[in-house]
Amino acid sequence: MTYNILEYPNTWEYGDTTYRNPYFRTVISSVNPDIIAAQEIKSAAEADGFLTNVLNSFGETYLMATFVANGSDNNVLYYKQSKFAFISASLVNSSGHPTVEFKIYSEIGRAHV
């Protein structure tokens, strides 16, 4: 699943996370993705907040890959710990556009994703 979470937590526009988090929880619980590539997270602290307050609000299921800042629209990878293991995260500069490359290992079938 890819999910643009609009400058999470974005308290300047939406007030606070107590307003937004229930909506995020509804979407995530309905889709129940194994992997989530999230865009527009302001910092590592906010990425951890999304993990704690949204993804793992019903019990610990997801882990977060190492946070790598790539500008104002940071990307974060979350994955189900029962299905994947984290390998690496690195910044790749392709044609002047910084991109984060995440590598995880699938515990199912032992294949790289």
C-alpha atoms as a PDB file:
ATOM      1  CA  MET A   1       0.000   0.000   0.000  1.00  0.00           C
ATOM      2  CA  THR A   2       1.223   3.499  -0.722  1.00  0.00           C
ATOM      3  CA  TYR A   3      -0.271   6.270   1.369  1.00  0.00           C
ATOM      4  CA  ASN A   4       0.315  10.016   1.226  1.00  0.00           C
ATOM      5  CA  ILE A   5      -0.432  11.096   4.777  1.00  0.00           C
ATOM      6  CA  LEU A   6      -0.105  14.817   4.037  1.00  0.00           C
ATOM      7  CA  GLU A   7       2.713  16.180   6.187  1.00  0.00           C
ATOM      8  CA  TYR A   8       1.816  14.012   9.168  1.00  0.00           C
ATOM      9  CA  PRO A   9       0.897  15.123  11.765  1.00  0.00           C
ATOM     10  CA  ASN A  10       0.064  18.441  10.011  1.00  0.00           C
ATOM     11  CA  THR A  11      -1.279  20.094  13.145  1.00  0.00           C
ATOM     12  CA  TRP A  12      -1.144  23.544  11.530  1.00  0.00           C
ATOM     13  CA  GLU A  13      -3.960  22.652   9.121  1.00  0.00           C
ATOM     14  CA  TYR A  14      -5.913  19.870  10.790  1.00  0.00           C
ATOM     15  CA  GLY A  15      -5.652  20.823  14.453  1.00  0.00           C
ATOM     16  CA  ASP A  16      -4.119  17.746  16.018  1.00  0.00           C
ATOM     17  CA  THR A  17      -3.610  14.041  15.639  1.00  0.00           C
ATOM     18  CA  THR A  18      -6.647  13.209  17.786  1.00  0.00           C
ATOM     19  CA  TYR A  19      -8.703  14.387  14.810  1.00  0.00           C
ATOM     20  CA  ARG A  20      -6.731  12.637  12.051  1.00  0.00           C
ATOM     21  CA  ASN A  21      -5.561   9.408  13.690  1.00  0.00           C
ATOM     22  CA  PRO A  22      -9.012   7.740  13.904  1.00  0.00           C
ATOM     23  CA  TYR A  23      -9.440   8.209  10.137  1.00  0.00           C
ATOM     24  CA  PHE A  24      -6.001   6.764   9.450  1.00  0.00           C
ATOM     25  CA  ARG A  25      -6.806   3.794  11.719  1.00  0.00           C
ATOM     26  CA  THR A  26     -10.046   3.134   9.826  1.00  0.00           C
ATOM     27  CA  VAL A  27      -8.252   3.054   6.479  1.00  0.00           C
ATOM     28  CA  ILE A  28      -5.383   0.864   7.694  1.00  0.00           C
ATOM     29  CA  SER A  29      -7.650  -1.622   9.483  1.00  0.00           C
ATOM     30  CA  SER A  30      -9.885  -1.896   6.405  1.00  0.00           C
ATOM     31  CA  VAL A  31      -7.017  -2.491   3.966  1.00  0.00           C
ATOM     32  CA  ASN A  32      -4.766  -4.441   6.371  1.00  0.00           C
ATOM     33  CA  PRO A  33      -1.638  -4.075   4.204  1.00  0.00           C
ATOM     34  CA  ASP A  34       1.554  -6.081   4.724  1.00  0.00           C
ATOM     35  CA  ILE A  35       3.737  -3.164   3.573  1.00  0.00           C
ATOM     36  CA  ILE A  36       3.005   0.567   3.670  1.00  0.00           C
ATOM     37  CA  ALA A  37       5.095   3.123   1.801  1.00  0.00           C
ATOM     38  CA  ALA A  38       4.056   6.432   3.354  1.00  0.00           C
ATOM     39  CA  GLN A  39       4.830   9.846   1.915  1.00  0.00           C
ATOM     40  CA  GLU A  40       4.985  13.314   3.444  1.00  0.00           C
ATOM     41  CA  ILE A  41       6.089  12.612   6.986  1.00  0.00           C
ATOM     42  CA  LYS A  42       7.828  15.596   8.566  1.00  0.00           C
ATOM     43  CA  SER A  43      10.483  13.836  10.662  1.00  0.00           C
ATOM     44  CA  ALA A  44      11.591  10.597  12.280  1.00  0.00           C
ATOM     45  CA  ALA A  45       9.679  11.536  15.450  1.00  0.00           C
ATOM     46  CA  GLU A  46       6.440  11.958  13.493  1.00  0.00           C
ATOM     47  CA  ALA A  47       7.088   8.705  11.616  1.00  0.00           C
ATOM     48  CA  ASP A  48       7.421   6.941  14.951  1.00  0.00           C
ATOM     49  CA  GLY A  49       4.238   8.668  16.144  1.00  0.00           C
ATOM     50  CA  PHE A  50       2.315   7.327  13.139  1.00  0.00           C
ATOM     51  CA  LEU A  51       3.655   3.854  13.882  1.00  0.00           C
ATOM     52  CA  THR A  52       2.649   4.005  17.550  1.00  0.00           C
ATOM     53  CA  ASN A  53      -0.616   5.943  17.373  1.00  0.00           C
ATOM     54  CA  VAL A  54      -2.047   4.574  14.134  1.00  0.00           C
ATOM     55  CA  LEU A  55      -0.464   1.358  12.888  1.00  0.00           C
ATOM     56  CA  ASN A  56       0.146  -0.317  16.240  1.00  0.00           C
ATOM     57  CA  SER A  57      -2.753   1.205  18.157  1.00  0.00           C
ATOM     58  CA  PHE A  58      -4.453  -2.203  18.407  1.00  0.00           C
ATOM     59  CA  GLY A  59      -1.297  -4.145  19.263  1.00  0.00           C
ATOM     60  CA  GLU A  60       2.210  -4.335  17.907  1.00  0.00           C
ATOM     61  CA  THR A  61       2.102  -5.581  14.328  1.00  0.00           C
ATOM     62  CA  TYR A  62       4.179  -3.175  12.232  1.00  0.00           C
ATOM     63  CA  LEU A  63       7.801  -2.115  12.338  1.00  0.00           C
ATOM     64  CA  MET A  64       9.365   0.909  10.668  1.00  0.00           C
ATOM     65  CA  ALA A  65      12.394   0.799   8.406  1.00  0.00           C
ATOM     66  CA  THR A  66      15.249   3.152   9.254  1.00  0.00           C
ATOM     67  CA  PHE A  67      14.137   6.731   8.652  1.00  0.00           C
ATOM     68  CA  VAL A  68      16.105   8.450   5.884  1.00  0.00           C
ATOM     69  CA  ALA A  69      15.301  12.115   5.266  1.00  0.00           C
ATOM     70  CA  ASN A  70      15.008  12.989   1.576  1.00  0.00           C
ATOM     71  CA  GLY A  71      13.678  16.531   1.673  1.00  0.00           C
ATOM     72  CA  SER A  72      10.374  18.022   2.679  1.00  0.00           C
ATOM     73  CA  ASP A  73       8.384  15.010   1.460  1.00  0.00           C
ATOM     74  CA  ASN A  74      10.051  12.282   3.496  1.00  0.00           C
ATOM     75  CA  ASN A  75       9.104   8.706   2.735  1.00  0.00           C
ATOM     76  CA  VAL A  76       8.837   5.954   5.321  1.00  0.00           C
ATOM     77  CA  LEU A  77       8.392   2.219   4.962  1.00  0.00           C
ATOM     78  CA  TYR A  78       6.344   0.228   7.459  1.00  0.00           C
ATOM     79  CA  TYR A  79       6.029  -3.556   7.304  1.00  0.00           C
ATOM     80  CA  LYS A  80       4.438  -6.399   9.227  1.00  0.00           C
ATOM     81  CA  GLN A  81       7.065  -7.923  11.457  1.00  0.00           C
ATOM     82  CA  SER A  82       5.530 -11.381  11.062  1.00  0.00           C
ATOM     83  CA  LYS A  83       6.190 -11.362   7.305  1.00  0.00           C
ATOM     84  CA  PHE A  84       9.292  -9.274   6.659  1.00  0.00           C
ATOM     85  CA  ALA A  85      12.714  -8.450   8.034  1.00  0.00           C
ATOM     86  CA  PHE A  86      14.457  -5.136   7.444  1.00  0.00           C
ATOM     87  CA  ILE A  87      17.740  -5.126   5.497  1.00  0.00           C
ATOM     88  CA  SER A  88      18.615  -1.508   4.665  1.00  0.00           C
ATOM     89  CA  ALA A  89      17.501   1.983   3.739  1.00  0.00           C
ATOM     90  CA  SER A  90      19.632   4.353   1.694  1.00  0.00           C
ATOM     91  CA  LEU A  91      19.379   7.640  -0.129  1.00  0.00           C
ATOM     92  CA  VAL A  92      19.801   7.359  -3.892  1.00  0.00           C
ATOM     93  CA  ASN A  93      20.297  10.524  -5.906  1.00  0.00           C
ATOM     94  CA  SER A  94      18.908   9.821  -9.358  1.00  0.00           C
ATOM     95  CA  SER A  95      19.074  12.775 -11.749  1.00  0.00           C
ATOM     96  CA  GLY A  96      19.103  15.285  -8.905  1.00  0.00           C
ATOM     97  CA  HIS A  97      15.949  13.861  -7.333  1.00  0.00           C
ATOM     98  CA  PRO A  98      16.719  12.209  -3.970  1.00  0.00           C
ATOM     99  CA  THR A  99      14.912   8.926  -3.494  1.00  0.00           C
ATOM    100  CA  VAL A 100      14.991   6.486  -0.605  1.00  0.00           C
ATOM    101  CA  GLU A 101      15.592   2.840  -1.435  1.00  0.00           C
ATOM    102  CA  PHE A 102      14.310   0.337   1.111  1.00  0.00           C
ATOM    103  CA  LYS A 103      15.280  -3.324   1.189  1.00  0.00           C
ATOM    104  CA  ILE A 104      13.313  -5.849   3.190  1.00  0.00           C
ATOM    105  CA  TYR A 105      13.399  -9.618   3.236  1.00  0.00           C
ATOM    106  CA  SER A 106      10.292 -11.728   2.921  1.00  0.00           C
ATOM    107  CA  GLU A 107      10.027 -14.431   5.544  1.00  0.00           C
ATOM    108  CA  ILE A 108       7.490 -16.113   3.279  1.00  0.00           C
ATOM    109  CA  GLY A 109       9.234 -17.896   0.425  1.00  0.00           C
ATOM    110  CA  ARG A 110      12.569 -16.388   1.439  1.00  0.00           C
ATOM    111  CA  ALA A 111      12.546 -13.886  -1.434  1.00  0.00           C
ATOM    112  CA  HIS A 112      13.835 -10.320  -1.582  1.00  0.00           C
ATOM    113  CA  VAL A 113      11.203  -7.621  -2.029  1.00  0.00           C
END
